[in-house]
Amino acid sequence: GAFFAGSVYGPVTYANCPVLMFREAKEAENVSISDFGDSGNARREFLAHGSIFGADADRIVLKRIVLTGYPTRVHKRHAVVKYMFYNPEDVRWFMPAGITTKHGLQGNIIQSVGDHGVMKCLFNAPIKQHDTVCLHLYKRVFPKFAPIGQKKDQGEEDSGHEQGAGIGGKHFHVL
């Protein structure tokens, strides 16, 4: 039930085109799908299904992580938050970033307290003791590529110009 997105190099298709994903099953796995004629005796098992997004060269793929901390002392809109960071340098580094809570409050880091990453925070409304403070961090990610190993005949040369060749004559696929 989770949502995933992947990148592929392939033929141009229209958006909302259905996609079925398979993976090659190992010899020891018991798979109930019959052999596919084109790939010898390799078996494939169903992995996922979905649809294609529209092609967009400006689309950016982001990876998100969430750092969480817990308020230990609360007074109206102010709170002392622990367990998000472990040293004061990290608190000072992330001070310009905004923080949120699971109950929808927004706030800022005011200052570091002590030597163990404890910090004072100010929120836009009174915070409750049982709330969780979150800091969302984003990083741009790029597709990973891996060479596909292929056996060559002894009389075959690698010119890198045959049809379907990738960079430098090596064939690539997306992991």
C-alpha atoms as a PDB file:
ATOM      1  CA  GLY A   1       0.000   0.000   0.000  1.00  0.00           C
ATOM      2  CA  ALA A   2       2.980   2.400  -0.078  1.00  0.00           C
ATOM      3  CA  PHE A   3       3.638   4.876  -2.891  1.00  0.00           C
ATOM      4  CA  PHE A   4       6.944   4.649  -4.755  1.00  0.00           C
ATOM      5  CA  ALA A   5       8.338   6.404  -7.811  1.00  0.00           C
ATOM      6  CA  GLY A   6      11.134   5.200 -10.079  1.00  0.00           C
ATOM      7  CA  SER A   7      13.062   6.540 -13.054  1.00  0.00           C
ATOM      8  CA  VAL A   8      13.711   4.638 -16.265  1.00  0.00           C
ATOM      9  CA  TYR A   9      15.228   5.272 -19.646  1.00  0.00           C
ATOM     10  CA  GLY A  10      12.839   3.852 -22.185  1.00  0.00           C
ATOM     11  CA  PRO A  11      10.572   4.646 -25.099  1.00  0.00           C
ATOM     12  CA  VAL A  12       8.423   7.765 -24.866  1.00  0.00           C
ATOM     13  CA  THR A  13       4.864   6.949 -23.820  1.00  0.00           C
ATOM     14  CA  TYR A  14       1.818   8.967 -22.850  1.00  0.00           C
ATOM     15  CA  ALA A  15       0.999   9.690 -19.219  1.00  0.00           C
ATOM     16  CA  ASN A  16      -1.240   7.308 -17.232  1.00  0.00           C
ATOM     17  CA  CYS A  17       0.033   4.329 -19.231  1.00  0.00           C
ATOM     18  CA  PRO A  18      -0.194   1.173 -17.082  1.00  0.00           C
ATOM     19  CA  VAL A  19       3.046  -0.470 -15.916  1.00  0.00           C
ATOM     20  CA  LEU A  20       3.688  -3.986 -14.609  1.00  0.00           C
ATOM     21  CA  MET A  21       6.994  -4.680 -12.852  1.00  0.00           C
ATOM     22  CA  PHE A  22       8.579  -8.136 -12.599  1.00  0.00           C
ATOM     23  CA  ARG A  23      11.857  -9.408 -11.196  1.00  0.00           C
ATOM     24  CA  GLU A  24      13.794 -12.491 -12.134  1.00  0.00           C
ATOM     25  CA  ALA A  25      13.238 -15.206  -9.552  1.00  0.00           C
ATOM     26  CA  LYS A  26      16.167 -17.117  -8.140  1.00  0.00           C
ATOM     27  CA  GLU A  27      16.473 -20.838  -8.816  1.00  0.00           C
ATOM     28  CA  ALA A  28      15.699 -21.785  -5.202  1.00  0.00           C
ATOM     29  CA  GLU A  29      12.484 -19.725  -5.023  1.00  0.00           C
ATOM     30  CA  ASN A  30       9.195 -21.463  -5.672  1.00  0.00           C
ATOM     31  CA  VAL A  31       7.373 -19.306  -8.221  1.00  0.00           C
ATOM     32  CA  SER A  32       4.026 -20.206  -9.733  1.00  0.00           C
ATOM     33  CA  ILE A  33       4.496 -18.160 -12.909  1.00  0.00           C
ATOM     34  CA  SER A  34       5.366 -20.139 -16.026  1.00  0.00           C
ATOM     35  CA  ASP A  35       8.520 -19.522 -18.052  1.00  0.00           C
ATOM     36  CA  PHE A  36       8.689 -16.651 -20.488  1.00  0.00           C
ATOM     37  CA  GLY A  37       9.894 -17.845 -23.892  1.00  0.00           C
ATOM     38  CA  ASP A  38      12.215 -14.916 -24.713  1.00  0.00           C
ATOM     39  CA  SER A  39      14.534 -15.174 -21.709  1.00  0.00           C
ATOM     40  CA  GLY A  40      15.455 -18.839 -21.775  1.00  0.00           C
ATOM     41  CA  ASN A  41      14.464 -20.644 -18.613  1.00  0.00           C
ATOM     42  CA  ALA A  42      14.444 -17.615 -16.288  1.00  0.00           C
ATOM     43  CA  ARG A  43      11.302 -17.198 -14.225  1.00  0.00           C
ATOM     44  CA  ARG A  44       9.833 -13.834 -13.340  1.00  0.00           C
ATOM     45  CA  GLU A  45       7.683 -12.963 -10.377  1.00  0.00           C
ATOM     46  CA  PHE A  46       5.228 -10.089 -10.164  1.00  0.00           C
ATOM     47  CA  LEU A  47       6.571  -7.203  -8.104  1.00  0.00           C
ATOM     48  CA  ALA A  48       4.336  -4.131  -8.542  1.00  0.00           C
ATOM     49  CA  HIS A  49       1.889  -2.339 -10.790  1.00  0.00           C
ATOM     50  CA  GLY A  50       1.121   1.314 -11.393  1.00  0.00           C
ATOM     51  CA  SER A  51       1.089   4.012 -14.032  1.00  0.00           C
ATOM     52  CA  ILE A  52       3.551   6.399 -15.686  1.00  0.00           C
ATOM     53  CA  PHE A  53       3.832  10.063 -14.720  1.00  0.00           C
ATOM     54  CA  GLY A  54       4.048  12.563 -17.536  1.00  0.00           C
ATOM     55  CA  ALA A  55       7.578  13.146 -18.844  1.00  0.00           C
ATOM     56  CA  ASP A  56       9.009  16.275 -17.255  1.00  0.00           C
ATOM     57  CA  ALA A  57      12.676  17.212 -17.490  1.00  0.00           C
ATOM     58  CA  ASP A  58      12.292  19.691 -14.612  1.00  0.00           C
ATOM     59  CA  ARG A  59      10.874  17.168 -12.111  1.00  0.00           C
ATOM     60  CA  ILE A  60      12.991  16.836  -8.971  1.00  0.00           C
ATOM     61  CA  VAL A  61      12.962  13.705  -6.814  1.00  0.00           C
ATOM     62  CA  LEU A  62      13.411  14.354  -3.099  1.00  0.00           C
ATOM     63  CA  LYS A  63      14.109  12.084  -0.161  1.00  0.00           C
ATOM     64  CA  ARG A  64      12.611  13.197   3.154  1.00  0.00           C
ATOM     65  CA  ILE A  65      13.651  12.278   6.680  1.00  0.00           C
ATOM     66  CA  VAL A  66      12.113  13.520   9.913  1.00  0.00           C
ATOM     67  CA  LEU A  67      14.087  14.216  13.081  1.00  0.00           C
ATOM     68  CA  THR A  68      11.895  14.038  16.185  1.00  0.00           C
ATOM     69  CA  GLY A  69      12.263  15.317  19.725  1.00  0.00           C
ATOM     70  CA  TYR A  70      10.105  15.481  22.818  1.00  0.00           C
ATOM     71  CA  PRO A  71       9.225  18.525  24.948  1.00  0.00           C
ATOM     72  CA  THR A  72      10.388  18.069  28.538  1.00  0.00           C
ATOM     73  CA  ARG A  73       9.495  21.463  30.019  1.00  0.00           C
ATOM     74  CA  VAL A  74       6.530  23.375  28.632  1.00  0.00           C
ATOM     75  CA  HIS A  75       5.354  26.901  29.474  1.00  0.00           C
ATOM     76  CA  LYS A  76       2.643  28.268  27.157  1.00  0.00           C
ATOM     77  CA  ARG A  77       4.334  28.785  23.754  1.00  0.00           C
ATOM     78  CA  HIS A  78       7.869  27.959  24.952  1.00  0.00           C
ATOM     79  CA  ALA A  79       9.256  24.447  25.314  1.00  0.00           C
ATOM     80  CA  VAL A  80      12.567  22.759  26.082  1.00  0.00           C
ATOM     81  CA  VAL A  81      13.033  19.898  23.566  1.00  0.00           C
ATOM     82  CA  LYS A  82      15.278  16.856  24.065  1.00  0.00           C
ATOM     83  CA  TYR A  83      16.410  13.870  21.978  1.00  0.00           C
ATOM     84  CA  MET A  84      16.415  15.602  18.573  1.00  0.00           C
ATOM     85  CA  PHE A  85      20.127  16.452  18.605  1.00  0.00           C
ATOM     86  CA  TYR A  86      23.090  15.232  20.632  1.00  0.00           C
ATOM     87  CA  ASN A  87      25.405  18.257  20.639  1.00  0.00           C
ATOM     88  CA  PRO A  88      25.022  22.060  20.638  1.00  0.00           C
ATOM     89  CA  GLU A  89      26.736  22.449  17.245  1.00  0.00           C
ATOM     90  CA  ASP A  90      23.869  20.570  15.564  1.00  0.00           C
ATOM     91  CA  VAL A  91      21.320  22.813  17.305  1.00  0.00           C
ATOM     92  CA  ARG A  92      23.099  25.929  16.021  1.00  0.00           C
ATOM     93  CA  TRP A  93      23.376  24.444  12.502  1.00  0.00           C
ATOM     94  CA  PHE A  94      19.619  23.765  12.219  1.00  0.00           C
ATOM     95  CA  MET A  95      18.507  26.962  14.000  1.00  0.00           C
ATOM     96  CA  PRO A  96      17.322  28.710  10.765  1.00  0.00           C
ATOM     97  CA  ALA A  97      15.094  25.731   9.865  1.00  0.00           C
ATOM     98  CA  GLY A  98      11.474  25.771  10.985  1.00  0.00           C
ATOM     99  CA  ILE A  99      10.100  23.028  13.213  1.00  0.00           C
ATOM    100  CA  THR A 100       6.582  21.605  13.435  1.00  0.00           C
ATOM    101  CA  THR A 101       4.658  19.376  15.811  1.00  0.00           C
ATOM    102  CA  LYS A 102       2.430  16.381  15.170  1.00  0.00           C
ATOM    103  CA  HIS A 103      -0.537  18.463  16.346  1.00  0.00           C
ATOM    104  CA  GLY A 104       0.123  21.083  13.639  1.00  0.00           C
ATOM    105  CA  LEU A 105       1.990  23.843  15.488  1.00  0.00           C
ATOM    106  CA  GLN A 106       4.898  25.660  13.858  1.00  0.00           C
ATOM    107  CA  GLY A 107       7.903  27.126  15.581  1.00  0.00           C
ATOM    108  CA  ASN A 108      11.559  28.070  15.646  1.00  0.00           C
ATOM    109  CA  ILE A 109      14.613  27.076  17.625  1.00  0.00           C
ATOM    110  CA  ILE A 110      15.577  29.885  20.014  1.00  0.00           C
ATOM    111  CA  GLN A 111      18.844  28.656  21.549  1.00  0.00           C
ATOM    112  CA  SER A 112      20.848  25.640  22.636  1.00  0.00           C
ATOM    113  CA  VAL A 113      20.766  24.656  26.306  1.00  0.00           C
ATOM    114  CA  GLY A 114      23.651  22.716  27.839  1.00  0.00           C
ATOM    115  CA  ASP A 115      26.071  20.283  26.198  1.00  0.00           C
ATOM    116  CA  HIS A 116      23.732  17.463  25.121  1.00  0.00           C
ATOM    117  CA  GLY A 117      21.684  18.927  22.246  1.00  0.00           C
ATOM    118  CA  VAL A 118      18.790  20.228  24.354  1.00  0.00           C
ATOM    119  CA  MET A 119      17.159  23.354  22.886  1.00  0.00           C
ATOM    120  CA  LYS A 120      14.601  26.035  23.665  1.00  0.00           C
ATOM    121  CA  CYS A 121      11.839  26.470  21.092  1.00  0.00           C
ATOM    122  CA  LEU A 122       9.057  28.996  20.523  1.00  0.00           C
ATOM    123  CA  PHE A 123       5.786  27.935  18.844  1.00  0.00           C
ATOM    124  CA  ASN A 124       2.862  29.850  17.318  1.00  0.00           C
ATOM    125  CA  ALA A 125       0.382  28.541  19.934  1.00  0.00           C
ATOM    126  CA  PRO A 126       0.606  26.864  23.358  1.00  0.00           C
ATOM    127  CA  ILE A 127       2.240  23.442  23.084  1.00  0.00           C
ATOM    128  CA  LYS A 128       1.186  20.414  25.109  1.00  0.00           C
ATOM    129  CA  GLN A 129       3.481  18.061  26.981  1.00  0.00           C
ATOM    130  CA  HIS A 130       2.467  14.962  24.973  1.00  0.00           C
ATOM    131  CA  ASP A 131       3.172  16.554  21.564  1.00  0.00           C
ATOM    132  CA  THR A 132       6.119  15.514  19.351  1.00  0.00           C
ATOM    133  CA  VAL A 133       8.427  18.097  17.754  1.00  0.00           C
ATOM    134  CA  CYS A 134       9.526  17.328  14.157  1.00  0.00           C
ATOM    135  CA  LEU A 135      12.203  18.742  11.861  1.00  0.00           C
ATOM    136  CA  HIS A 136      11.711  17.762   8.208  1.00  0.00           C
ATOM    137  CA  LEU A 137      14.888  17.480   6.106  1.00  0.00           C
ATOM    138  CA  TYR A 138      14.949  17.047   2.316  1.00  0.00           C
ATOM    139  CA  LYS A 139      17.692  15.840  -0.022  1.00  0.00           C
ATOM    140  CA  ARG A 140      17.675  15.625  -3.800  1.00  0.00           C
ATOM    141  CA  VAL A 141      18.278  12.098  -5.088  1.00  0.00           C
ATOM    142  CA  PHE A 142      19.272  10.847  -8.519  1.00  0.00           C
ATOM    143  CA  PRO A 143      18.603   7.446 -10.151  1.00  0.00           C
ATOM    144  CA  LYS A 144      21.147   4.714  -9.480  1.00  0.00           C
ATOM    145  CA  PHE A 145      22.599   2.883 -12.441  1.00  0.00           C
ATOM    146  CA  ALA A 146      24.286  -0.504 -12.559  1.00  0.00           C
ATOM    147  CA  PRO A 147      25.935  -2.204 -15.541  1.00  0.00           C
ATOM    148  CA  ILE A 148      24.279  -5.326 -16.872  1.00  0.00           C
ATOM    149  CA  GLY A 149      26.890  -8.031 -17.318  1.00  0.00           C
ATOM    150  CA  GLN A 150      26.677  -9.716 -20.693  1.00  0.00           C
ATOM    151  CA  LYS A 151      28.848 -12.504 -22.074  1.00  0.00           C
ATOM    152  CA  LYS A 152      30.403 -11.809 -25.461  1.00  0.00           C
ATOM    153  CA  ASP A 153      31.393 -14.237 -28.129  1.00  0.00           C
ATOM    154  CA  GLN A 154      35.139 -14.493 -28.743  1.00  0.00           C
ATOM    155  CA  GLY A 155      34.871 -12.974 -32.226  1.00  0.00           C
ATOM    156  CA  GLU A 156      32.775  -9.990 -31.092  1.00  0.00           C
ATOM    157  CA  GLU A 157      34.333  -6.550 -30.621  1.00  0.00           C
ATOM    158  CA  ASP A 158      33.081  -3.852 -28.268  1.00  0.00           C
ATOM    159  CA  SER A 159      32.807  -0.805 -30.500  1.00  0.00           C
ATOM    160  CA  GLY A 160      30.238   0.961 -28.333  1.00  0.00           C
ATOM    161  CA  HIS A 161      28.185   1.899 -31.394  1.00  0.00           C
ATOM    162  CA  GLU A 162      25.792  -1.021 -31.693  1.00  0.00           C
ATOM    163  CA  GLN A 163      22.096  -0.387 -31.303  1.00  0.00           C
ATOM    164  CA  GLY A 164      20.961  -0.240 -27.655  1.00  0.00           C
ATOM    165  CA  ALA A 165      24.447   0.507 -26.309  1.00  0.00           C
ATOM    166  CA  GLY A 166      24.703   2.937 -23.441  1.00  0.00           C
ATOM    167  CA  ILE A 167      27.625   5.060 -22.370  1.00  0.00           C
ATOM    168  CA  GLY A 168      30.900   3.595 -23.618  1.00  0.00           C
ATOM    169  CA  GLY A 169      29.168   0.561 -25.126  1.00  0.00           C
ATOM    170  CA  LYS A 170      27.914  -0.734 -21.749  1.00  0.00           C
ATOM    171  CA  HIS A 171      24.265  -1.478 -21.184  1.00  0.00           C
ATOM    172  CA  PHE A 172      22.635   0.049 -18.119  1.00  0.00           C
ATOM    173  CA  HIS A 173      19.401  -0.402 -16.205  1.00  0.00           C
ATOM    174  CA  VAL A 174      17.846   1.386 -13.248  1.00  0.00           C
ATOM    175  CA  LEU A 175      17.978  -0.344  -9.869  1.00  0.00           C
END
